[in-house]
All heavy atoms as atom14 arrays in JSON, in Angstrom:
{
  "sequence": "LYLINYMHISTFLMFIACITMFISIVLLSPIEHKNK",
  "atom14_mask": [
    [1, 1, 1, 1, 1, 1, 1, 1, 0, 0, 0, 0, 0, 0],
    [1, 1, 1, 1, 1, 1, 1, 1, 1, 1, 1, 1, 0, 0],
    [1, 1, 1, 1, 1, 1, 1, 1, 0, 0, 0, 0, 0, 0],
    [1, 1, 1, 1, 1, 1, 1, 1, 0, 0, 0, 0, 0, 0],
    [1, 1, 1, 1, 1, 1, 1, 1, 0, 0, 0, 0, 0, 0],
    [1, 1, 1, 1, 1, 1, 1, 1, 1, 1, 1, 1, 0, 0],
    [1, 1, 1, 1, 1, 1, 1, 1, 0, 0, 0, 0, 0, 0],
    [1, 1, 1, 1, 1, 1, 1, 1, 1, 1, 0, 0, 0, 0],
    [1, 1, 1, 1, 1, 1, 1, 1, 0, 0, 0, 0, 0, 0],
    [1, 1, 1, 1, 1, 1, 0, 0, 0, 0, 0, 0, 0, 0],
    [1, 1, 1, 1, 1, 1, 1, 0, 0, 0, 0, 0, 0, 0],
    [1, 1, 1, 1, 1, 1, 1, 1, 1, 1, 1, 0, 0, 0],
    [1, 1, 1, 1, 1, 1, 1, 1, 0, 0, 0, 0, 0, 0],
    [1, 1, 1, 1, 1, 1, 1, 1, 0, 0, 0, 0, 0, 0],
    [1, 1, 1, 1, 1, 1, 1, 1, 1, 1, 1, 0, 0, 0],
    [1, 1, 1, 1, 1, 1, 1, 1, 0, 0, 0, 0, 0, 0],
    [1, 1, 1, 1, 1, 0, 0, 0, 0, 0, 0, 0, 0, 0],
    [1, 1, 1, 1, 1, 1, 0, 0, 0, 0, 0, 0, 0, 0],
    [1, 1, 1, 1, 1, 1, 1, 1, 0, 0, 0, 0, 0, 0],
    [1, 1, 1, 1, 1, 1, 1, 0, 0, 0, 0, 0, 0, 0],
    [1, 1, 1, 1, 1, 1, 1, 1, 0, 0, 0, 0, 0, 0],
    [1, 1, 1, 1, 1, 1, 1, 1, 1, 1, 1, 0, 0, 0],
    [1, 1, 1, 1, 1, 1, 1, 1, 0, 0, 0, 0, 0, 0],
    [1, 1, 1, 1, 1, 1, 0, 0, 0, 0, 0, 0, 0, 0],
    [1, 1, 1, 1, 1, 1, 1, 1, 0, 0, 0, 0, 0, 0],
    [1, 1, 1, 1, 1, 1, 1, 0, 0, 0, 0, 0, 0, 0],
    [1, 1, 1, 1, 1, 1, 1, 1, 0, 0, 0, 0, 0, 0],
    [1, 1, 1, 1, 1, 1, 1, 1, 0, 0, 0, 0, 0, 0],
    [1, 1, 1, 1, 1, 1, 0, 0, 0, 0, 0, 0, 0, 0],
    [1, 1, 1, 1, 1, 1, 1, 0, 0, 0, 0, 0, 0, 0],
    [1, 1, 1, 1, 1, 1, 1, 1, 0, 0, 0, 0, 0, 0],
    [1, 1, 1, 1, 1, 1, 1, 1, 1, 0, 0, 0, 0, 0],
    [1, 1, 1, 1, 1, 1, 1, 1, 1, 1, 0, 0, 0, 0],
    [1, 1, 1, 1, 1, 1, 1, 1, 1, 0, 0, 0, 0, 0],
    [1, 1, 1, 1, 1, 1, 1, 1, 0, 0, 0, 0, 0, 0],
    [1, 1, 1, 1, 1, 1, 1, 1, 1, 0, 0, 0, 0, 0]
  ],
  "atom14_positions": [
    [[-70.49, 60.46, -49.56], [-71.78, 60.06, -49.03], [-71.72, 58.69, -48.37], [-72.38, 58.44, -47.34], [-72.83, 60.07, -50.13], [-73.23, 61.45, -50.64], [-74.23, 61.34, -51.8], [-73.85, 62.32, -49.55], [0.0, 0.0, 0.0], [0.0, 0.0, 0.0], [0.0, 0.0, 0.0], [0.0, 0.0, 0.0], [0.0, 0.0, 0.0], [0.0, 0.0, 0.0]],
    [[-70.92, 57.79, -48.94], [-70.78, 56.45, -48.33], [-70.13, 56.55, -46.96], [-70.57, 55.96, -45.99], [-69.97, 55.57, -49.25], [-69.76, 54.17, -48.7], [-70.75, 53.2, -48.83], [-68.6, 53.83, -47.99], [-70.6, 51.92, -48.31], [-68.44, 52.57, -47.45], [-69.43, 51.62, -47.61], [-69.27, 50.37, -47.07], [0.0, 0.0, 0.0], [0.0, 0.0, 0.0]],
    [[-69.04, 57.36, -46.89], [-68.33, 57.49, -45.6], [-69.18, 58.21, -44.57], [-69.13, 57.85, -43.38], [-67.02, 58.28, -45.83], [-65.95, 57.55, -46.65], [-64.73, 58.46, -46.86], [-65.52, 56.25, -46.01], [0.0, 0.0, 0.0], [0.0, 0.0, 0.0], [0.0, 0.0, 0.0], [0.0, 0.0, 0.0], [0.0, 0.0, 0.0], [0.0, 0.0, 0.0]],
    [[-69.97, 59.18, -45.01], [-70.84, 59.9, -44.07], [-71.82, 58.91, -43.4], [-72.05, 58.96, -42.2], [-71.63, 61.0, -44.81], [-70.68, 62.15, -45.18], [-72.77, 61.55, -43.91], [-71.31, 63.15, -46.15], [0.0, 0.0, 0.0], [0.0, 0.0, 0.0], [0.0, 0.0, 0.0], [0.0, 0.0, 0.0], [0.0, 0.0, 0.0], [0.0, 0.0, 0.0]],
    [[-72.35, 58.0, -44.2], [-73.39, 57.11, -43.7], [-72.85, 55.89, -42.96], [-73.53, 55.36, -42.09], [-74.27, 56.64, -44.86], [-75.28, 57.7, -45.3], [-76.34, 57.81, -44.73], [-74.9, 58.5, -46.29], [0.0, 0.0, 0.0], [0.0, 0.0, 0.0], [0.0, 0.0, 0.0], [0.0, 0.0, 0.0], [0.0, 0.0, 0.0], [0.0, 0.0, 0.0]],
    [[-71.64, 55.45, -43.31], [-71.17, 54.16, -42.77], [-69.87, 54.22, -41.98], [-69.49, 53.23, -41.34], [-71.0, 53.15, -43.93], [-72.35, 52.85, -44.59], [-72.6, 53.31, -45.89], [-73.32, 52.13, -43.93], [-73.81, 53.05, -46.52], [-74.54, 51.86, -44.55], [-74.78, 52.32, -45.84], [-75.97, 52.08, -46.45], [0.0, 0.0, 0.0], [0.0, 0.0, 0.0]],
    [[-69.17, 55.31, -42.0], [-67.89, 55.38, -41.28], [-68.08, 56.06, -39.92], [-68.67, 57.13, -39.84], [-66.85, 56.14, -42.09], [-65.5, 56.22, -41.4], [-64.28, 57.16, -42.4], [-62.89, 57.13, -41.3], [0.0, 0.0, 0.0], [0.0, 0.0, 0.0], [0.0, 0.0, 0.0], [0.0, 0.0, 0.0], [0.0, 0.0, 0.0], [0.0, 0.0, 0.0]],
    [[-67.57, 55.41, -38.87], [-67.63, 56.01, -37.54], [-66.38, 56.87, -37.32], [-65.28, 56.47, -37.69], [-67.71, 54.93, -36.46], [-67.54, 55.48, -35.07], [-68.56, 56.18, -34.43], [-66.49, 55.44, -34.2], [-68.14, 56.55, -33.24], [-66.9, 56.1, -33.06], [0.0, 0.0, 0.0], [0.0, 0.0, 0.0], [0.0, 0.0, 0.0], [0.0, 0.0, 0.0]],
    [[-66.58, 58.03, -36.75], [-65.46, 58.91, -36.41], [-65.69, 59.47, -35.0], [-66.8, 59.93, -34.68], [-65.29, 60.07, -37.41], [-64.09, 60.94, -37.04], [-66.56, 60.87, -37.55], [-63.73, 61.95, -38.1], [0.0, 0.0, 0.0], [0.0, 0.0, 0.0], [0.0, 0.0, 0.0], [0.0, 0.0, 0.0], [0.0, 0.0, 0.0], [0.0, 0.0, 0.0]],
    [[-64.67, 59.38, -34.16], [-64.81, 59.86, -32.79], [-64.82, 61.4, -32.73], [-64.38, 62.07, -33.68], [-63.65, 59.34, -31.94], [-62.41, 59.9, -32.37], [0.0, 0.0, 0.0], [0.0, 0.0, 0.0], [0.0, 0.0, 0.0], [0.0, 0.0, 0.0], [0.0, 0.0, 0.0], [0.0, 0.0, 0.0], [0.0, 0.0, 0.0], [0.0, 0.0, 0.0]],
    [[-65.3, 61.9, -31.62], [-65.35, 63.35, -31.44], [-63.94, 63.95, -31.45], [-63.73, 65.04, -31.98], [-66.04, 63.7, -30.11], [-67.39, 63.17, -30.13], [-66.12, 65.2, -29.91], [0.0, 0.0, 0.0], [0.0, 0.0, 0.0], [0.0, 0.0, 0.0], [0.0, 0.0, 0.0], [0.0, 0.0, 0.0], [0.0, 0.0, 0.0], [0.0, 0.0, 0.0]],
    [[-63.01, 63.23, -30.91], [-61.6, 63.72, -30.87], [-61.03, 63.85, -32.27], [-60.44, 64.89, -32.62], [-60.75, 62.75, -30.05], [-59.3, 63.13, -30.03], [-58.83, 64.22, -29.28], [-58.36, 62.4, -30.79], [-57.48, 64.57, -29.29], [-57.03, 62.74, -30.8], [-56.58, 63.83, -30.04], [0.0, 0.0, 0.0], [0.0, 0.0, 0.0], [0.0, 0.0, 0.0]],
    [[-61.21, 62.8, -33.09], [-60.71, 62.87, -34.46], [-61.42, 63.94, -35.27], [-60.82, 64.6, -36.12], [-60.85, 61.49, -35.13], [-59.91, 60.39, -34.68], [-60.23, 59.08, -35.39], [-58.45, 60.78, -34.92], [0.0, 0.0, 0.0], [0.0, 0.0, 0.0], [0.0, 0.0, 0.0], [0.0, 0.0, 0.0], [0.0, 0.0, 0.0], [0.0, 0.0, 0.0]],
    [[-62.69, 64.11, -35.02], [-63.47, 65.14, -35.72], [-62.93, 66.52, -35.37], [-62.77, 67.39, -36.23], [-64.94, 65.04, -35.33], [-65.86, 65.92, -36.16], [-67.61, 65.71, -35.75], [-67.88, 64.02, -36.34], [0.0, 0.0, 0.0], [0.0, 0.0, 0.0], [0.0, 0.0, 0.0], [0.0, 0.0, 0.0], [0.0, 0.0, 0.0], [0.0, 0.0, 0.0]],
    [[-62.59, 66.71, -34.09], [-62.05, 67.98, -33.64], [-60.68, 68.26, -34.28], [-60.42, 69.36, -34.75], [-61.91, 67.98, -32.11], [-61.31, 69.22, -31.53], [-62.05, 70.37, -31.43], [-59.98, 69.24, -31.12], [-61.49, 71.54, -30.91], [-59.41, 70.36, -30.59], [-60.17, 71.54, -30.49], [0.0, 0.0, 0.0], [0.0, 0.0, 0.0], [0.0, 0.0, 0.0]],
    [[-59.82, 67.24, -34.32], [-58.5, 67.37, -34.93], [-58.62, 67.72, -36.41], [-57.92, 68.59, -36.95], [-57.66, 66.09, -34.74], [-57.37, 65.84, -33.26], [-56.36, 66.16, -35.55], [-56.54, 66.94, -32.6], [0.0, 0.0, 0.0], [0.0, 0.0, 0.0], [0.0, 0.0, 0.0], [0.0, 0.0, 0.0], [0.0, 0.0, 0.0], [0.0, 0.0, 0.0]],
    [[-59.52, 67.02, -37.11], [-59.73, 67.25, -38.53], [-60.21, 68.67, -38.78], [-59.79, 69.34, -39.73], [-60.71, 66.24, -39.09], [0.0, 0.0, 0.0], [0.0, 0.0, 0.0], [0.0, 0.0, 0.0], [0.0, 0.0, 0.0], [0.0, 0.0, 0.0], [0.0, 0.0, 0.0], [0.0, 0.0, 0.0], [0.0, 0.0, 0.0], [0.0, 0.0, 0.0]],
    [[-61.13, 69.16, -37.92], [-61.68, 70.51, -38.07], [-60.59, 71.57, -37.91], [-60.49, 72.51, -38.71], [-62.78, 70.75, -37.04], [-64.3, 69.86, -37.4], [0.0, 0.0, 0.0], [0.0, 0.0, 0.0], [0.0, 0.0, 0.0], [0.0, 0.0, 0.0], [0.0, 0.0, 0.0], [0.0, 0.0, 0.0], [0.0, 0.0, 0.0], [0.0, 0.0, 0.0]],
    [[-59.77, 71.42, -36.88], [-58.7, 72.39, -36.64], [-57.68, 72.38, -37.79], [-57.26, 73.44, -38.26], [-57.99, 72.08, -35.3], [-58.95, 72.24, -34.12], [-56.77, 73.0, -35.13], [-59.53, 73.64, -33.95], [0.0, 0.0, 0.0], [0.0, 0.0, 0.0], [0.0, 0.0, 0.0], [0.0, 0.0, 0.0], [0.0, 0.0, 0.0], [0.0, 0.0, 0.0]],
    [[-57.31, 71.19, -38.22], [-56.34, 71.07, -39.31], [-56.83, 71.7, -40.59], [-56.14, 72.47, -41.26], [-55.99, 69.58, -39.56], [-55.51, 68.99, -38.34], [-54.95, 69.46, -40.63], [0.0, 0.0, 0.0], [0.0, 0.0, 0.0], [0.0, 0.0, 0.0], [0.0, 0.0, 0.0], [0.0, 0.0, 0.0], [0.0, 0.0, 0.0], [0.0, 0.0, 0.0]],
    [[-58.1, 71.37, -40.95], [-58.65, 71.9, -42.2], [-58.92, 73.41, -42.11], [-58.78, 74.13, -43.09], [-59.96, 71.18, -42.51], [-59.79, 69.78, -43.07], [-58.92, 69.81, -44.71], [-57.26, 69.32, -44.25], [0.0, 0.0, 0.0], [0.0, 0.0, 0.0], [0.0, 0.0, 0.0], [0.0, 0.0, 0.0], [0.0, 0.0, 0.0], [0.0, 0.0, 0.0]],
    [[-59.26, 73.89, -40.91], [-59.5, 75.34, -40.75], [-58.22, 76.1, -41.06], [-58.2, 77.06, -41.84], [-59.97, 75.65, -39.33], [-60.22, 77.11, -39.08], [-61.42, 77.69, -39.44], [-59.23, 77.9, -38.5], [-61.64, 79.06, -39.22], [-59.44, 79.24, -38.29], [-60.65, 79.83, -38.64], [0.0, 0.0, 0.0], [0.0, 0.0, 0.0], [0.0, 0.0, 0.0]],
    [[-57.11, 75.66, -40.44], [-55.83, 76.32, -40.63], [-55.4, 76.22, -42.12], [-54.98, 77.21, -42.73], [-54.75, 75.7, -39.74], [-55.1, 75.97, -38.27], [-53.37, 76.25, -40.08], [-54.19, 75.23, -37.28], [0.0, 0.0, 0.0], [0.0, 0.0, 0.0], [0.0, 0.0, 0.0], [0.0, 0.0, 0.0], [0.0, 0.0, 0.0], [0.0, 0.0, 0.0]],
    [[-55.52, 75.02, -42.7], [-55.1, 74.78, -44.06], [-55.89, 75.66, -45.05], [-55.31, 76.33, -45.92], [-55.29, 73.32, -44.43], [-54.99, 73.09, -45.78], [0.0, 0.0, 0.0], [0.0, 0.0, 0.0], [0.0, 0.0, 0.0], [0.0, 0.0, 0.0], [0.0, 0.0, 0.0], [0.0, 0.0, 0.0], [0.0, 0.0, 0.0], [0.0, 0.0, 0.0]],
    [[-57.23, 75.63, -44.94], [-58.07, 76.37, -45.89], [-57.87, 77.89, -45.76], [-57.82, 78.59, -46.78], [-59.55, 75.99, -45.68], [-59.77, 74.53, -46.1], [-60.48, 76.91, -46.5], [-61.18, 74.0, -45.8], [0.0, 0.0, 0.0], [0.0, 0.0, 0.0], [0.0, 0.0, 0.0], [0.0, 0.0, 0.0], [0.0, 0.0, 0.0], [0.0, 0.0, 0.0]],
    [[-57.75, 78.37, -44.55], [-57.54, 79.81, -44.34], [-56.22, 80.27, -44.96], [-56.14, 81.32, -45.59], [-57.6, 80.17, -42.83], [-57.12, 81.61, -42.6], [-59.01, 80.0, -42.3], [0.0, 0.0, 0.0], [0.0, 0.0, 0.0], [0.0, 0.0, 0.0], [0.0, 0.0, 0.0], [0.0, 0.0, 0.0], [0.0, 0.0, 0.0], [0.0, 0.0, 0.0]],
    [[-55.18, 79.46, -44.78], [-53.86, 79.83, -45.29], [-53.79, 79.75, -46.83], [-53.13, 80.56, -47.47], [-52.78, 78.91, -44.7], [-52.48, 79.1, -43.21], [-51.46, 78.07, -42.75], [-51.99, 80.53, -42.92], [0.0, 0.0, 0.0], [0.0, 0.0, 0.0], [0.0, 0.0, 0.0], [0.0, 0.0, 0.0], [0.0, 0.0, 0.0], [0.0, 0.0, 0.0]],
    [[-54.5, 78.79, -47.42], [-54.41, 78.58, -48.86], [-55.4, 79.4, -49.68], [-55.2, 79.64, -50.86], [-54.61, 77.09, -49.18], [-53.55, 76.12, -48.66], [-53.92, 74.7, -49.01], [-52.17, 76.47, -49.17], [0.0, 0.0, 0.0], [0.0, 0.0, 0.0], [0.0, 0.0, 0.0], [0.0, 0.0, 0.0], [0.0, 0.0, 0.0], [0.0, 0.0, 0.0]],
    [[-56.48, 79.83, -49.06], [-57.54, 80.53, -49.78], [-57.15, 81.96, -50.13], [-56.47, 82.63, -49.36], [-58.83, 80.57, -48.95], [-59.29, 79.24, -48.73], [0.0, 0.0, 0.0], [0.0, 0.0, 0.0], [0.0, 0.0, 0.0], [0.0, 0.0, 0.0], [0.0, 0.0, 0.0], [0.0, 0.0, 0.0], [0.0, 0.0, 0.0], [0.0, 0.0, 0.0]],
    [[-57.63, 82.44, -51.29], [-58.35, 81.65, -52.3], [-57.4, 81.04, -53.32], [-56.38, 81.63, -53.68], [-59.24, 82.72, -52.95], [-58.41, 83.97, -52.89], [-57.62, 83.88, -51.6], [0.0, 0.0, 0.0], [0.0, 0.0, 0.0], [0.0, 0.0, 0.0], [0.0, 0.0, 0.0], [0.0, 0.0, 0.0], [0.0, 0.0, 0.0], [0.0, 0.0, 0.0]],
    [[-57.73, 79.84, -53.82], [-57.0, 79.21, -54.9], [-57.58, 79.73, -56.2], [-58.76, 79.53, -56.48], [-57.13, 77.68, -54.85], [-56.55, 77.12, -53.55], [-56.46, 77.05, -56.07], [-55.04, 77.19, -53.46], [0.0, 0.0, 0.0], [0.0, 0.0, 0.0], [0.0, 0.0, 0.0], [0.0, 0.0, 0.0], [0.0, 0.0, 0.0], [0.0, 0.0, 0.0]],
    [[-56.76, 80.41, -57.0], [-57.25, 81.03, -58.22], [-57.17, 80.07, -59.4], [-56.29, 79.24, -59.49], [-56.43, 82.27, -58.53], [-56.42, 83.34, -57.45], [-55.52, 84.52, -57.81], [-55.66, 85.04, -58.93], [-54.67, 84.89, -56.97], [0.0, 0.0, 0.0], [0.0, 0.0, 0.0], [0.0, 0.0, 0.0], [0.0, 0.0, 0.0], [0.0, 0.0, 0.0]],
    [[-58.16, 80.24, -60.3], [-58.1, 79.53, -61.59], [-57.15, 80.29, -62.5], [-57.14, 81.54, -62.5], [-59.5, 79.44, -62.21], [-59.57, 78.51, -63.37], [-59.07, 78.84, -64.61], [-60.09, 77.27, -63.47], [-59.29, 77.82, -65.44], [-59.89, 76.87, -64.79], [0.0, 0.0, 0.0], [0.0, 0.0, 0.0], [0.0, 0.0, 0.0], [0.0, 0.0, 0.0]],
    [[-56.36, 79.59, -63.26], [-55.36, 80.24, -64.11], [-55.98, 81.17, -65.15], [-55.34, 82.12, -65.58], [-54.49, 79.2, -64.81], [-55.24, 78.27, -65.78], [-54.31, 77.28, -66.42], [-55.05, 76.36, -67.39], [-54.14, 75.39, -68.05], [0.0, 0.0, 0.0], [0.0, 0.0, 0.0], [0.0, 0.0, 0.0], [0.0, 0.0, 0.0], [0.0, 0.0, 0.0]],
    [[-57.23, 80.89, -65.54], [-57.89, 81.74, -66.52], [-58.78, 82.8, -65.89], [-59.39, 83.58, -66.61], [-58.74, 80.87, -67.47], [-57.9, 79.98, -68.33], [-56.86, 80.41, -68.89], [-58.29, 78.72, -68.49], [0.0, 0.0, 0.0], [0.0, 0.0, 0.0], [0.0, 0.0, 0.0], [0.0, 0.0, 0.0], [0.0, 0.0, 0.0], [0.0, 0.0, 0.0]],
    [[-58.85, 82.81, -64.59], [-59.65, 83.82, -63.88], [-58.87, 84.34, -62.68], [-59.23, 84.14, -61.54], [-60.96, 83.2, -63.42], [-61.87, 82.78, -64.54], [-63.15, 82.15, -64.0], [-64.01, 81.62, -65.12], [-65.24, 80.94, -64.59], [0.0, 0.0, 0.0], [0.0, 0.0, 0.0], [0.0, 0.0, 0.0], [0.0, 0.0, 0.0], [0.0, 0.0, 0.0]]
  ]
}
């Protein structure tokens, strides 16, 4: 919440972060709990 309100991020960096996280989350999902 602090970073959301006070950190500036450019559109380019936001785009790079989105692409990176999209690929990462899609490849890793779902992460299972060992007891479930």
